[in-house]
Every structure is written in C-alpha cells, then in structure tokens.
Amino acid sequence: MDVSVIVVNYNTRDLLLQTLRSVKDASQSVSVEVFVVDNGSDDGSPEAVAVQFPEVHLIVNQYNVGFAAANNQAIQQARGRYYLLLNSDTVVRNDTLKIMVDFMDGSSSVGASGCKVVLADGCLDLACRRSFPTVLSSLYHVLKLDKLFPNSKRFAAYNLTYLNPDASYPVDCLVGAFMMVRSRVVDEVGLLDERFFMYGEDIDWCYRIRQHGWDIWYVPATSITHYKGASGKKSMKVLYHFYWSLYLYAHKHRFPNMSVFVRNVIKIGIFVILAMAVIKFGAKRLIDYAYDLLGVSKHSQIKEAGGTTDTVQGPPL
C-alpha cells in the first residue's frame, strides 16, 4: 500500500464528499486506502460516506475528540508506506498523490512533505510552508511587520514570504491540511500530541520530526485547493483552543530554554492577546446583532463587495 489518506471531518458533508471524489480520481496510479474519521457530525456526513464511498474505512466518533486524536485513530489502523493528513475541505489534483509519492520515494532523508496549498481565491495558503514560531516572529506577526515587509528574512521569517512559492526547498513545518509523512517516521517520532485539540498539532509534529533528524520539504510541483475554515467557524471555543495551542507549543518546546522572566512575559502576552481577541469577537457579535435589528445583513454586503469572512485570526501557530 502506497498511501493511507486520512480525512478528519466535522460537519462538512458536501465538501467532504468533494474531497473524497478528488482523492478517488487521484488514486489511479498509486495504491491508496482512505480513512474518514467523523468527529460527531450532525449533518449526515457518516451516512453519506457509507453510501457513496463504501470502500472508505469509516470511523465514527460520538463526539468531537479533536483533530489530533481523530488522526491518531486512523494512523493506528493504517497500512500505507506513507500517511497523508488531508483536510475535509480540500480538493487534490489528479497528479498530486503520484507526484508526492514519487518525491518521497526518491528522497530517503525526507520524513514529511507537503505540496503547494492554494486558497479558493487563488492565493497561497501561507501555512503550507513555515518556520517554527519564535518570540520575535510571533511579535513581528502581531505588529503586522511581516505584511509590511514580506520580502524581509527577518520580519517575514515565519511564513517565509520572501521565498519563491513555486520553488522546492526544506522548511521547518507544513500544514495539517496536507502533510505526507513516512510511516517509519511515525514509528520513531510517535503519534500526534492529543493535547492539541485543534491548531498547533501539525507544528508540534514537524518539530519532533526535525528533532529526530528527518528533513521536511515543500514541494510545489503539484497543488491542492483549500476551502479554509469550513469546520472551524469563529466561536469562543475556537478562540480558546487557538490560544491554548499557542501556549502549549511554547510550554513544550520553548519554555525549557528560557528564563522564568521571559516565560512569564510570554504567558502574559498570550493572555493579553487572547483578551483582545475575545473583546474583538464580542464587539463583532454586537455589531452583527445591531445589523440584525435593523434588518440589514452585514455579511451579505461583504460578499457582494467581493470580500470574505474567515476563521480565527491571531499570532501564528
């Protein structure tokens, strides 16, 4: 078996079916098994998969166990030489699996790789090739210096915007929306850390993969489309998990080499940013409520103007 494709789903029925169709079309030249782990969806996702894709290994959880834990359920049953973490809101090209398997087969030192990830509007999903977050890179991001100086190695280090998105090179980490990992690497490194409920588990995994001496590569010879944010709508719970992941990553990989003073500064900084995000979220809800009272749909006006609504925004994870 070449690839075990693992798709975690939470209430994205139609997008999930679209993803599975694209995977099936891309499976003509490589041997593939597909796992769908449903995290307690109430939109009929499991039933639709069972009917339309009976060959898929379907794991149905009674509640949302989180992205990391759900992927681990499938990994423990997978038989492929490579495990592919794939979001339920993506579409892969017909050549994607073949190109990525060929790359991994020809690169014995590479433990994980990711292709180019393109958003629905045609822009690059910056998360598909990143550096590990540091205090400075996170600060530059919060201050939006990375947007002001996208070609600066200093200020744009986290999202690597100074590098050519159409060139291939080693990176620190990839995005969980598309990450192909050598099965032998998982045997060495271990499963995803289930303390990360959502957000940050991909960075933590890549960090551990690099610690074990494996390379991680960005390979834009092929691409996927990512309809980002389909299962992660803004809510207080999502905000909590986002900033908890930020803290957990820092606590696990950064704090051991820092002084107590610096640790406390970071903790306070995360708390302050979280508080600001909550205030912003609450204010937006009040504005939306006011629009509703006036009988005006703000979101429809945004869409008519060609804008989009997105998921949680904040420091990089």
C-alpha atoms as a PDB file:
ATOM      1  CA  MET A   1       0.000   0.000   0.000  1.00  0.00           C
ATOM      2  CA  ASP A   2       1.475   3.350  -1.045  1.00  0.00           C
ATOM      3  CA  VAL A   3      -0.647   5.900   0.785  1.00  0.00           C
ATOM      4  CA  SER A   4      -3.100   5.894   3.662  1.00  0.00           C
ATOM      5  CA  VAL A   5      -5.183   9.041   3.187  1.00  0.00           C
ATOM      6  CA  ILE A   6      -6.684  10.245   6.466  1.00  0.00           C
ATOM      7  CA  VAL A   7      -9.518  12.757   6.443  1.00  0.00           C
ATOM      8  CA  VAL A   8     -10.960  14.105   9.696  1.00  0.00           C
ATOM      9  CA  ASN A   9     -14.448  15.539   9.305  1.00  0.00           C
ATOM     10  CA  TYR A  10     -16.680  17.735  11.407  1.00  0.00           C
ATOM     11  CA  ASN A  11     -19.907  18.907   9.772  1.00  0.00           C
ATOM     12  CA  THR A  12     -18.511  19.465   6.265  1.00  0.00           C
ATOM     13  CA  ARG A  13     -20.618  16.880   4.430  1.00  0.00           C
ATOM     14  CA  ASP A  14     -20.664  18.347   0.923  1.00  0.00           C
ATOM     15  CA  LEU A  15     -17.031  19.453   0.998  1.00  0.00           C
ATOM     16  CA  LEU A  16     -16.025  16.054   2.396  1.00  0.00           C
ATOM     17  CA  LEU A  17     -17.723  14.232  -0.481  1.00  0.00           C
ATOM     18  CA  GLN A  18     -15.966  16.564  -2.915  1.00  0.00           C
ATOM     19  CA  THR A  19     -12.633  15.793  -1.228  1.00  0.00           C
ATOM     20  CA  LEU A  20     -13.218  12.048  -1.444  1.00  0.00           C
ATOM     21  CA  ARG A  21     -14.120  12.282  -5.127  1.00  0.00           C
ATOM     22  CA  SER A  22     -10.878  14.133  -5.832  1.00  0.00           C
ATOM     23  CA  VAL A  23      -8.870  11.551  -3.887  1.00  0.00           C
ATOM     24  CA  LYS A  24     -10.524   8.739  -5.830  1.00  0.00           C
ATOM     25  CA  ASP A  25      -9.656  10.435  -9.121  1.00  0.00           C
ATOM     26  CA  ALA A  26      -6.045  10.865  -7.952  1.00  0.00           C
ATOM     27  CA  SER A  27      -5.700   7.214  -6.937  1.00  0.00           C
ATOM     28  CA  GLN A  28      -5.366   5.702 -10.401  1.00  0.00           C
ATOM     29  CA  SER A  29      -1.568   5.425 -10.444  1.00  0.00           C
ATOM     30  CA  VAL A  30      -0.859   4.721  -6.759  1.00  0.00           C
ATOM     31  CA  SER A  31      -2.325   2.241  -4.308  1.00  0.00           C
ATOM     32  CA  VAL A  32      -4.442   4.074  -1.761  1.00  0.00           C
ATOM     33  CA  GLU A  33      -6.605   3.342   1.242  1.00  0.00           C
ATOM     34  CA  VAL A  34      -8.822   6.089   2.619  1.00  0.00           C
ATOM     35  CA  PHE A  35      -9.912   6.683   6.193  1.00  0.00           C
ATOM     36  CA  VAL A  36     -12.610   9.129   7.207  1.00  0.00           C
ATOM     37  CA  VAL A  37     -12.799   9.871  10.914  1.00  0.00           C
ATOM     38  CA  ASP A  38     -16.015  11.691  11.730  1.00  0.00           C
ATOM     39  CA  ASN A  39     -15.942  13.749  14.913  1.00  0.00           C
ATOM     40  CA  GLY A  40     -19.583  13.625  15.914  1.00  0.00           C
ATOM     41  CA  SER A  41     -21.069  15.423  12.901  1.00  0.00           C
ATOM     42  CA  ASP A  42     -24.819  16.017  12.853  1.00  0.00           C
ATOM     43  CA  ASP A  43     -25.078  16.886   9.148  1.00  0.00           C
ATOM     44  CA  GLY A  44     -25.327  13.336   7.804  1.00  0.00           C
ATOM     45  CA  SER A  45     -21.649  13.094   6.854  1.00  0.00           C
ATOM     46  CA  PRO A  46     -21.072   9.478   8.010  1.00  0.00           C
ATOM     47  CA  GLU A  47     -24.221   8.217   6.326  1.00  0.00           C
ATOM     48  CA  ALA A  48     -23.322   9.936   3.053  1.00  0.00           C
ATOM     49  CA  VAL A  49     -19.806   8.489   3.074  1.00  0.00           C
ATOM     50  CA  ALA A  50     -21.097   4.985   3.819  1.00  0.00           C
ATOM     51  CA  VAL A  51     -23.481   5.149   0.855  1.00  0.00           C
ATOM     52  CA  GLN A  52     -21.345   6.949  -1.727  1.00  0.00           C
ATOM     53  CA  PHE A  53     -17.906   5.594  -0.777  1.00  0.00           C
ATOM     54  CA  PRO A  54     -18.394   2.128   0.730  1.00  0.00           C
ATOM     55  CA  GLU A  55     -14.694   1.330   0.178  1.00  0.00           C
ATOM     56  CA  VAL A  56     -13.659   4.026   2.664  1.00  0.00           C
ATOM     57  CA  HIS A  57     -12.677   2.976   6.186  1.00  0.00           C
ATOM     58  CA  LEU A  58     -15.176   4.940   8.240  1.00  0.00           C
ATOM     59  CA  ILE A  59     -14.558   5.674  11.915  1.00  0.00           C
ATOM     60  CA  VAL A  60     -17.455   7.414  13.656  1.00  0.00           C
ATOM     61  CA  ASN A  61     -16.912   9.164  16.969  1.00  0.00           C
ATOM     62  CA  GLN A  62     -19.868  10.035  19.124  1.00  0.00           C
ATOM     63  CA  TYR A  63     -18.389  13.435  19.934  1.00  0.00           C
ATOM     64  CA  ASN A  64     -15.599  15.726  18.743  1.00  0.00           C
ATOM     65  CA  VAL A  65     -12.379  14.199  20.076  1.00  0.00           C
ATOM     66  CA  GLY A  66     -10.200  16.788  18.344  1.00  0.00           C
ATOM     67  CA  PHE A  67      -8.112  16.830  15.178  1.00  0.00           C
ATOM     68  CA  ALA A  68      -5.010  15.156  16.601  1.00  0.00           C
ATOM     69  CA  ALA A  69      -6.850  12.343  18.382  1.00  0.00           C
ATOM     70  CA  ALA A  70      -9.012  11.606  15.340  1.00  0.00           C
ATOM     71  CA  ASN A  71      -5.992  11.371  13.032  1.00  0.00           C
ATOM     72  CA  ASN A  72      -4.296   9.065  15.510  1.00  0.00           C
ATOM     73  CA  GLN A  73      -7.270   6.696  15.419  1.00  0.00           C
ATOM     74  CA  ALA A  74      -6.756   6.182  11.703  1.00  0.00           C
ATOM     75  CA  ILE A  75      -2.953   6.131  11.813  1.00  0.00           C
ATOM     76  CA  GLN A  76      -3.077   3.202  14.214  1.00  0.00           C
ATOM     77  CA  GLN A  77      -5.054   1.218  11.636  1.00  0.00           C
ATOM     78  CA  ALA A  78      -3.286   2.443   8.500  1.00  0.00           C
ATOM     79  CA  ARG A  79      -1.136   0.152   6.334  1.00  0.00           C
ATOM     80  CA  GLY A  80       0.412   2.603   3.861  1.00  0.00           C
ATOM     81  CA  ARG A  81       4.084   3.366   3.425  1.00  0.00           C
ATOM     82  CA  TYR A  82       3.045   6.994   3.762  1.00  0.00           C
ATOM     83  CA  TYR A  83       0.308   8.624   5.801  1.00  0.00           C
ATOM     84  CA  LEU A  84      -1.395  11.643   4.248  1.00  0.00           C
ATOM     85  CA  LEU A  85      -3.216  14.013   6.556  1.00  0.00           C
ATOM     86  CA  LEU A  86      -5.798  15.738   4.366  1.00  0.00           C
ATOM     87  CA  ASN A  87      -8.451  18.246   5.359  1.00  0.00           C
ATOM     88  CA  SER A  88     -12.084  17.586   4.548  1.00  0.00           C
ATOM     89  CA  ASP A  89     -12.312  20.966   2.797  1.00  0.00           C
ATOM     90  CA  THR A  90      -9.665  20.334   0.139  1.00  0.00           C
ATOM     91  CA  VAL A  91      -9.538  19.174  -3.480  1.00  0.00           C
ATOM     92  CA  VAL A  92      -6.452  17.356  -4.725  1.00  0.00           C
ATOM     93  CA  ARG A  93      -5.305  17.355  -8.337  1.00  0.00           C
ATOM     94  CA  ASN A  94      -5.264  14.136 -10.333  1.00  0.00           C
ATOM     95  CA  ASP A  95      -1.457  14.086 -10.231  1.00  0.00           C
ATOM     96  CA  THR A  96      -0.999  15.085  -6.588  1.00  0.00           C
ATOM     97  CA  LEU A  97      -0.668  11.693  -4.924  1.00  0.00           C
ATOM     98  CA  LYS A  98       1.594  10.307  -7.664  1.00  0.00           C
ATOM     99  CA  ILE A  99       3.936  13.312  -7.602  1.00  0.00           C
ATOM    100  CA  MET A 100       4.214  13.322  -3.822  1.00  0.00           C
ATOM    101  CA  VAL A 101       4.809   9.567  -3.569  1.00  0.00           C
ATOM    102  CA  ASP A 102       7.498   9.757  -6.264  1.00  0.00           C
ATOM    103  CA  PHE A 103       9.163  12.609  -4.410  1.00  0.00           C
ATOM    104  CA  MET A 104       9.164  10.720  -1.112  1.00  0.00           C
ATOM    105  CA  ASP A 105      10.413   7.524  -2.784  1.00  0.00           C
ATOM    106  CA  GLY A 106      13.351   9.450  -4.227  1.00  0.00           C
ATOM    107  CA  SER A 107      14.191  11.328  -1.014  1.00  0.00           C
ATOM    108  CA  SER A 108      15.128   8.880   1.721  1.00  0.00           C
ATOM    109  CA  SER A 109      16.118  11.615   4.180  1.00  0.00           C
ATOM    110  CA  VAL A 110      12.726  13.329   3.966  1.00  0.00           C
ATOM    111  CA  GLY A 111      10.365  12.420   6.758  1.00  0.00           C
ATOM    112  CA  ALA A 112       7.455  14.618   5.712  1.00  0.00           C
ATOM    113  CA  SER A 113       6.491  16.713   2.728  1.00  0.00           C
ATOM    114  CA  GLY A 114       3.724  18.994   1.616  1.00  0.00           C
ATOM    115  CA  CYS A 115       2.597  20.350  -1.721  1.00  0.00           C
ATOM    116  CA  LYS A 116       1.512  23.838  -2.644  1.00  0.00           C
ATOM    117  CA  VAL A 117      -1.788  24.727  -0.978  1.00  0.00           C
ATOM    118  CA  VAL A 118      -3.936  27.293  -2.746  1.00  0.00           C
ATOM    119  CA  LEU A 119      -6.958  29.010  -1.220  1.00  0.00           C
ATOM    120  CA  ALA A 120     -10.273  29.303  -3.005  1.00  0.00           C
ATOM    121  CA  ASP A 121      -9.403  32.847  -4.120  1.00  0.00           C
ATOM    122  CA  GLY A 122      -6.213  31.631  -5.785  1.00  0.00           C
ATOM    123  CA  CYS A 123      -3.837  32.955  -3.119  1.00  0.00           C
ATOM    124  CA  LEU A 124      -1.207  30.794  -1.466  1.00  0.00           C
ATOM    125  CA  ASP A 125      -2.192  29.364   1.917  1.00  0.00           C
ATOM    126  CA  LEU A 126       0.818  30.712   3.806  1.00  0.00           C
ATOM    127  CA  ALA A 127       0.596  27.946   6.390  1.00  0.00           C
ATOM    128  CA  CYS A 128       1.698  25.314   3.866  1.00  0.00           C
ATOM    129  CA  ARG A 129       5.413  26.163   4.391  1.00  0.00           C
ATOM    130  CA  ARG A 130       6.522  27.844   7.580  1.00  0.00           C
ATOM    131  CA  SER A 131       9.278  28.331  10.099  1.00  0.00           C
ATOM    132  CA  PHE A 132       8.821  27.303  13.696  1.00  0.00           C
ATOM    133  CA  PRO A 133       7.271  30.175  15.685  1.00  0.00           C
ATOM    134  CA  THR A 134       9.608  32.119  17.929  1.00  0.00           C
ATOM    135  CA  VAL A 135       9.021  35.052  20.259  1.00  0.00           C
ATOM    136  CA  LEU A 136      10.309  37.502  17.661  1.00  0.00           C
ATOM    137  CA  SER A 137       8.497  36.037  14.649  1.00  0.00           C
ATOM    138  CA  SER A 138       5.239  35.995  16.611  1.00  0.00           C
ATOM    139  CA  LEU A 139       5.804  39.579  17.706  1.00  0.00           C
ATOM    140  CA  TYR A 140       6.512  40.676  14.151  1.00  0.00           C
ATOM    141  CA  HIS A 141       3.303  38.959  13.078  1.00  0.00           C
ATOM    142  CA  VAL A 142       1.220  40.634  15.782  1.00  0.00           C
ATOM    143  CA  LEU A 143       2.661  44.000  14.785  1.00  0.00           C
ATOM    144  CA  LYS A 144       1.987  43.117  11.122  1.00  0.00           C
ATOM    145  CA  LEU A 145       5.599  43.799  10.213  1.00  0.00           C
ATOM    146  CA  ASP A 146       5.570  40.622   8.129  1.00  0.00           C
ATOM    147  CA  LYS A 147       2.877  42.181   5.939  1.00  0.00           C
ATOM    148  CA  LEU A 148       4.704  45.494   5.725  1.00  0.00           C
ATOM    149  CA  PHE A 149       7.980  43.791   4.778  1.00  0.00           C
ATOM    150  CA  PRO A 150       7.013  40.499   3.089  1.00  0.00           C
ATOM    151  CA  ASN A 151      10.435  40.174   1.430  1.00  0.00           C
ATOM    152  CA  SER A 152      12.399  40.570   4.650  1.00  0.00           C
ATOM    153  CA  LYS A 153      14.108  37.477   6.039  1.00  0.00           C
ATOM    154  CA  ARG A 154      13.859  38.993   9.500  1.00  0.00           C
ATOM    155  CA  PHE A 155      10.282  40.220   9.599  1.00  0.00           C
ATOM    156  CA  ALA A 156       8.719  37.623   7.284  1.00  0.00           C
ATOM    157  CA  ALA A 157      10.579  34.618   8.686  1.00  0.00           C
ATOM    158  CA  TYR A 158       7.522  32.779   9.973  1.00  0.00           C
ATOM    159  CA  ASN A 159       5.535  32.464   6.748  1.00  0.00           C
ATOM    160  CA  LEU A 160       8.625  32.540   4.505  1.00  0.00           C
ATOM    161  CA  THR A 161       7.008  35.060   2.163  1.00  0.00           C
ATOM    162  CA  TYR A 162      10.460  36.114   0.973  1.00  0.00           C
ATOM    163  CA  LEU A 163      10.903  32.711  -0.708  1.00  0.00           C
ATOM    164  CA  ASN A 164       9.606  31.720  -4.134  1.00  0.00           C
ATOM    165  CA  PRO A 165       6.318  29.811  -3.663  1.00  0.00           C
ATOM    166  CA  ASP A 166       6.995  27.915  -6.897  1.00  0.00           C
ATOM    167  CA  ALA A 167      10.399  26.558  -5.820  1.00  0.00           C
ATOM    168  CA  SER A 168      11.034  23.440  -3.757  1.00  0.00           C
ATOM    169  CA  TYR A 169      13.096  23.590  -0.551  1.00  0.00           C
ATOM    170  CA  PRO A 170      13.342  22.283   3.017  1.00  0.00           C
ATOM    171  CA  VAL A 171      11.184  24.049   5.604  1.00  0.00           C
ATOM    172  CA  ASP A 172      10.545  23.768   9.320  1.00  0.00           C
ATOM    173  CA  CYS A 173       6.920  22.774   9.160  1.00  0.00           C
ATOM    174  CA  LEU A 174       3.894  22.128   6.972  1.00  0.00           C
ATOM    175  CA  VAL A 175       0.149  22.413   7.464  1.00  0.00           C
ATOM    176  CA  GLY A 176      -2.115  19.606   8.652  1.00  0.00           C
ATOM    177  CA  ALA A 177      -4.438  20.278   5.708  1.00  0.00           C
ATOM    178  CA  PHE A 178      -1.931  18.357   3.554  1.00  0.00           C
ATOM    179  CA  MET A 179       1.002  16.582   5.133  1.00  0.00           C
ATOM    180  CA  MET A 180       2.529  13.354   3.824  1.00  0.00           C
ATOM    181  CA  VAL A 181       4.541  11.537   6.489  1.00  0.00           C
ATOM    182  CA  ARG A 182       6.684   8.435   6.111  1.00  0.00           C
ATOM    183  CA  SER A 183       5.233   5.622   8.234  1.00  0.00           C
ATOM    184  CA  ARG A 184       8.685   4.783   9.603  1.00  0.00           C
ATOM    185  CA  VAL A 185       8.942   8.327  10.885  1.00  0.00           C
ATOM    186  CA  VAL A 186       5.776   7.898  12.927  1.00  0.00           C
ATOM    187  CA  ASP A 187       7.247   4.715  14.400  1.00  0.00           C
ATOM    188  CA  GLU A 188      10.202   6.792  15.601  1.00  0.00           C
ATOM    189  CA  VAL A 189       8.558  10.081  16.492  1.00  0.00           C
ATOM    190  CA  GLY A 190       5.206   8.898  17.765  1.00  0.00           C
ATOM    191  CA  LEU A 191       1.643   9.972  17.068  1.00  0.00           C
ATOM    192  CA  LEU A 192       0.207  13.474  17.092  1.00  0.00           C
ATOM    193  CA  ASP A 193       0.066  15.063  20.534  1.00  0.00           C
ATOM    194  CA  GLU A 194      -3.595  14.852  21.537  1.00  0.00           C
ATOM    195  CA  ARG A 195      -3.286  17.742  23.975  1.00  0.00           C
ATOM    196  CA  PHE A 196      -3.603  19.917  20.868  1.00  0.00           C
ATOM    197  CA  PHE A 197      -7.356  19.749  20.274  1.00  0.00           C
ATOM    198  CA  MET A 198      -7.209  21.906  17.142  1.00  0.00           C
ATOM    199  CA  TYR A 199      -4.423  24.156  15.854  1.00  0.00           C
ATOM    200  CA  GLY A 200      -0.711  23.643  16.506  1.00  0.00           C
ATOM    201  CA  GLU A 201      -0.596  19.845  16.334  1.00  0.00           C
ATOM    202  CA  ASP A 202       0.987  19.995  12.875  1.00  0.00           C
ATOM    203  CA  ILE A 203       3.763  22.335  14.050  1.00  0.00           C
ATOM    204  CA  ASP A 204       4.444  20.174  17.107  1.00  0.00           C
ATOM    205  CA  TRP A 205       4.649  17.040  14.947  1.00  0.00           C
ATOM    206  CA  CYS A 206       7.004  18.702  12.482  1.00  0.00           C
ATOM    207  CA  TYR A 207       9.152  19.941  15.349  1.00  0.00           C
ATOM    208  CA  ARG A 208       9.527  16.398  16.662  1.00  0.00           C
ATOM    209  CA  ILE A 209      10.192  15.047  13.174  1.00  0.00           C
ATOM    210  CA  ARG A 210      13.024  17.555  12.757  1.00  0.00           C
ATOM    211  CA  GLN A 211      14.354  16.689  16.226  1.00  0.00           C
ATOM    212  CA  HIS A 212      14.744  13.090  15.090  1.00  0.00           C
ATOM    213  CA  GLY A 213      16.930  14.174  12.183  1.00  0.00           C
ATOM    214  CA  TRP A 214      14.426  13.966   9.336  1.00  0.00           C
ATOM    215  CA  ASP A 215      14.081  16.633   6.662  1.00  0.00           C
ATOM    216  CA  ILE A 216      10.774  18.312   5.817  1.00  0.00           C
ATOM    217  CA  TRP A 217      10.196  19.597   2.296  1.00  0.00           C
ATOM    218  CA  TYR A 218       7.827  21.926   0.487  1.00  0.00           C
ATOM    219  CA  VAL A 219       7.083  20.540  -2.992  1.00  0.00           C
ATOM    220  CA  PRO A 220       5.081  22.882  -5.286  1.00  0.00           C
ATOM    221  CA  ALA A 221       5.276  20.569  -8.301  1.00  0.00           C
ATOM    222  CA  THR A 222       1.611  19.879  -7.568  1.00  0.00           C
ATOM    223  CA  SER A 223      -1.076  21.616  -5.547  1.00  0.00           C
ATOM    224  CA  ILE A 224      -4.409  21.290  -3.806  1.00  0.00           C
ATOM    225  CA  THR A 225      -7.223  23.764  -3.242  1.00  0.00           C
ATOM    226  CA  HIS A 226      -8.121  24.508   0.370  1.00  0.00           C
ATOM    227  CA  TYR A 227     -11.556  25.905   1.213  1.00  0.00           C
ATOM    228  CA  LYS A 228     -10.179  27.081   4.511  1.00  0.00           C
ATOM    229  CA  GLY A 229     -12.259  27.464   7.644  1.00  0.00           C
ATOM    230  CA  ALA A 230     -15.198  25.214   6.718  1.00  0.00           C
ATOM    231  CA  SER A 231     -15.255  23.322  10.031  1.00  0.00           C
ATOM    232  CA  GLY A 232     -13.748  25.993  12.278  1.00  0.00           C
ATOM    233  CA  LYS A 233     -16.213  28.867  12.443  1.00  0.00           C
ATOM    234  CA  LYS A 234     -15.481  31.640  14.879  1.00  0.00           C
ATOM    235  CA  SER A 235     -16.597  30.984  18.438  1.00  0.00           C
ATOM    236  CA  MET A 236     -15.298  31.447  21.957  1.00  0.00           C
ATOM    237  CA  LYS A 237     -14.391  27.757  21.997  1.00  0.00           C
ATOM    238  CA  VAL A 238     -12.314  28.080  18.831  1.00  0.00           C
ATOM    239  CA  LEU A 239     -10.553  31.143  20.258  1.00  0.00           C
ATOM    240  CA  TYR A 240      -9.747  29.206  23.408  1.00  0.00           C
ATOM    241  CA  HIS A 241      -8.273  26.266  21.525  1.00  0.00           C
ATOM    242  CA  PHE A 242      -6.246  28.569  19.265  1.00  0.00           C
ATOM    243  CA  TYR A 243      -4.508  30.368  22.109  1.00  0.00           C
ATOM    244  CA  TRP A 244      -4.243  27.251  24.257  1.00  0.00           C
ATOM    245  CA  SER A 245      -2.321  25.635  21.397  1.00  0.00           C
ATOM    246  CA  LEU A 246      -0.049  28.656  21.234  1.00  0.00           C
ATOM    247  CA  TYR A 247       0.668  28.359  24.945  1.00  0.00           C
ATOM    248  CA  LEU A 248       1.084  24.582  24.803  1.00  0.00           C
ATOM    249  CA  TYR A 249       3.622  24.761  21.984  1.00  0.00           C
ATOM    250  CA  ALA A 250       5.618  27.427  23.825  1.00  0.00           C
ATOM    251  CA  HIS A 251       5.463  25.463  27.092  1.00  0.00           C
ATOM    252  CA  LYS A 252       6.541  22.236  25.412  1.00  0.00           C
ATOM    253  CA  HIS A 253       9.291  23.431  23.086  1.00  0.00           C
ATOM    254  CA  ARG A 254      10.357  26.961  24.085  1.00  0.00           C
ATOM    255  CA  PHE A 255       9.995  27.387  27.840  1.00  0.00           C
ATOM    256  CA  PRO A 256      12.666  24.810  28.834  1.00  0.00           C
ATOM    257  CA  ASN A 257      15.379  27.054  27.312  1.00  0.00           C
ATOM    258  CA  MET A 258      14.021  30.327  28.676  1.00  0.00           C
ATOM    259  CA  SER A 259      14.403  32.201  31.918  1.00  0.00           C
ATOM    260  CA  VAL A 260      11.467  32.426  34.309  1.00  0.00           C
ATOM    261  CA  PHE A 261      11.122  36.129  33.481  1.00  0.00           C
ATOM    262  CA  VAL A 262      10.825  35.516  29.738  1.00  0.00           C
ATOM    263  CA  ARG A 263       8.355  32.681  30.308  1.00  0.00           C
ATOM    264  CA  ASN A 264       6.138  34.945  32.383  1.00  0.00           C
ATOM    265  CA  VAL A 265       6.315  37.702  29.779  1.00  0.00           C
ATOM    266  CA  ILE A 266       5.159  35.242  27.117  1.00  0.00           C
ATOM    267  CA  LYS A 267       2.350  33.926  29.316  1.00  0.00           C
ATOM    268  CA  ILE A 268       1.116  37.447  29.999  1.00  0.00           C
ATOM    269  CA  GLY A 269       1.431  38.304  26.304  1.00  0.00           C
ATOM    270  CA  ILE A 270      -0.680  35.307  25.271  1.00  0.00           C
ATOM    271  CA  PHE A 271      -3.298  36.194  27.897  1.00  0.00           C
ATOM    272  CA  VAL A 272      -3.438  39.829  26.740  1.00  0.00           C
ATOM    273  CA  ILE A 273      -3.763  38.867  23.077  1.00  0.00           C
ATOM    274  CA  LEU A 274      -6.478  36.351  23.968  1.00  0.00           C
ATOM    275  CA  ALA A 275      -8.340  39.035  25.930  1.00  0.00           C
ATOM    276  CA  MET A 276      -8.095  41.407  22.961  1.00  0.00           C
ATOM    277  CA  ALA A 277      -9.369  38.681  20.609  1.00  0.00           C
ATOM    278  CA  VAL A 278     -12.316  37.958  22.909  1.00  0.00           C
ATOM    279  CA  ILE A 279     -13.179  41.665  23.112  1.00  0.00           C
ATOM    280  CA  LYS A 280     -12.951  41.964  19.329  1.00  0.00           C
ATOM    281  CA  PHE A 281     -15.101  38.872  18.905  1.00  0.00           C
ATOM    282  CA  GLY A 282     -17.700  40.196  21.359  1.00  0.00           C
ATOM    283  CA  ALA A 283     -17.766  43.582  19.654  1.00  0.00           C
ATOM    284  CA  LYS A 284     -18.287  41.959  16.271  1.00  0.00           C
ATOM    285  CA  ARG A 285     -21.166  39.924  17.652  1.00  0.00           C
ATOM    286  CA  LEU A 286     -22.777  43.104  18.990  1.00  0.00           C
ATOM    287  CA  ILE A 287     -22.370  44.805  15.616  1.00  0.00           C
ATOM    288  CA  ASP A 288     -23.900  41.819  13.854  1.00  0.00           C
ATOM    289  CA  TYR A 289     -26.782  41.888  16.334  1.00  0.00           C
ATOM    290  CA  ALA A 290     -27.334  45.589  15.631  1.00  0.00           C
ATOM    291  CA  TYR A 291     -27.411  44.882  11.875  1.00  0.00           C
ATOM    292  CA  ASP A 292     -29.981  42.140  12.505  1.00  0.00           C
ATOM    293  CA  LEU A 293     -32.155  44.542  14.494  1.00  0.00           C
ATOM    294  CA  LEU A 294     -32.015  46.971  11.574  1.00  0.00           C
ATOM    295  CA  GLY A 295     -32.841  44.207   9.135  1.00  0.00           C
ATOM    296  CA  VAL A 296     -29.502  44.542   7.330  1.00  0.00           C
ATOM    297  CA  SER A 297     -27.171  41.627   6.607  1.00  0.00           C
ATOM    298  CA  LYS A 298     -23.593  42.784   7.039  1.00  0.00           C
ATOM    299  CA  HIS A 299     -22.153  39.515   5.732  1.00  0.00           C
ATOM    300  CA  SER A 300     -24.171  39.696   2.535  1.00  0.00           C
ATOM    301  CA  GLN A 301     -22.840  43.206   1.950  1.00  0.00           C
ATOM    302  CA  ILE A 302     -19.301  41.972   2.464  1.00  0.00           C
ATOM    303  CA  LYS A 303     -19.784  39.125   0.000  1.00  0.00           C
ATOM    304  CA  GLU A 304     -21.392  41.406  -2.567  1.00  0.00           C
ATOM    305  CA  ALA A 305     -18.339  43.638  -2.288  1.00  0.00           C
ATOM    306  CA  GLY A 306     -16.111  40.676  -3.084  1.00  0.00           C
ATOM    307  CA  GLY A 307     -14.808  40.150   0.460  1.00  0.00           C
ATOM    308  CA  THR A 308     -14.699  37.033   2.579  1.00  0.00           C
ATOM    309  CA  THR A 309     -15.257  36.026   6.155  1.00  0.00           C
ATOM    310  CA  ASP A 310     -12.543  33.852   7.674  1.00  0.00           C
ATOM    311  CA  THR A 311     -11.709  31.858  10.765  1.00  0.00           C
ATOM    312  CA  VAL A 312      -9.761  32.891  13.840  1.00  0.00           C
ATOM    313  CA  GLN A 313      -7.043  35.468  13.263  1.00  0.00           C
ATOM    314  CA  GLY A 314      -4.162  35.904  15.645  1.00  0.00           C
ATOM    315  CA  PRO A 315      -0.500  35.116  16.244  1.00  0.00           C
ATOM    316  CA  PRO A 316       0.871  32.308  14.090  1.00  0.00           C
ATOM    317  CA  LEU A 317       0.584  28.711  15.193  1.00  0.00           C
END
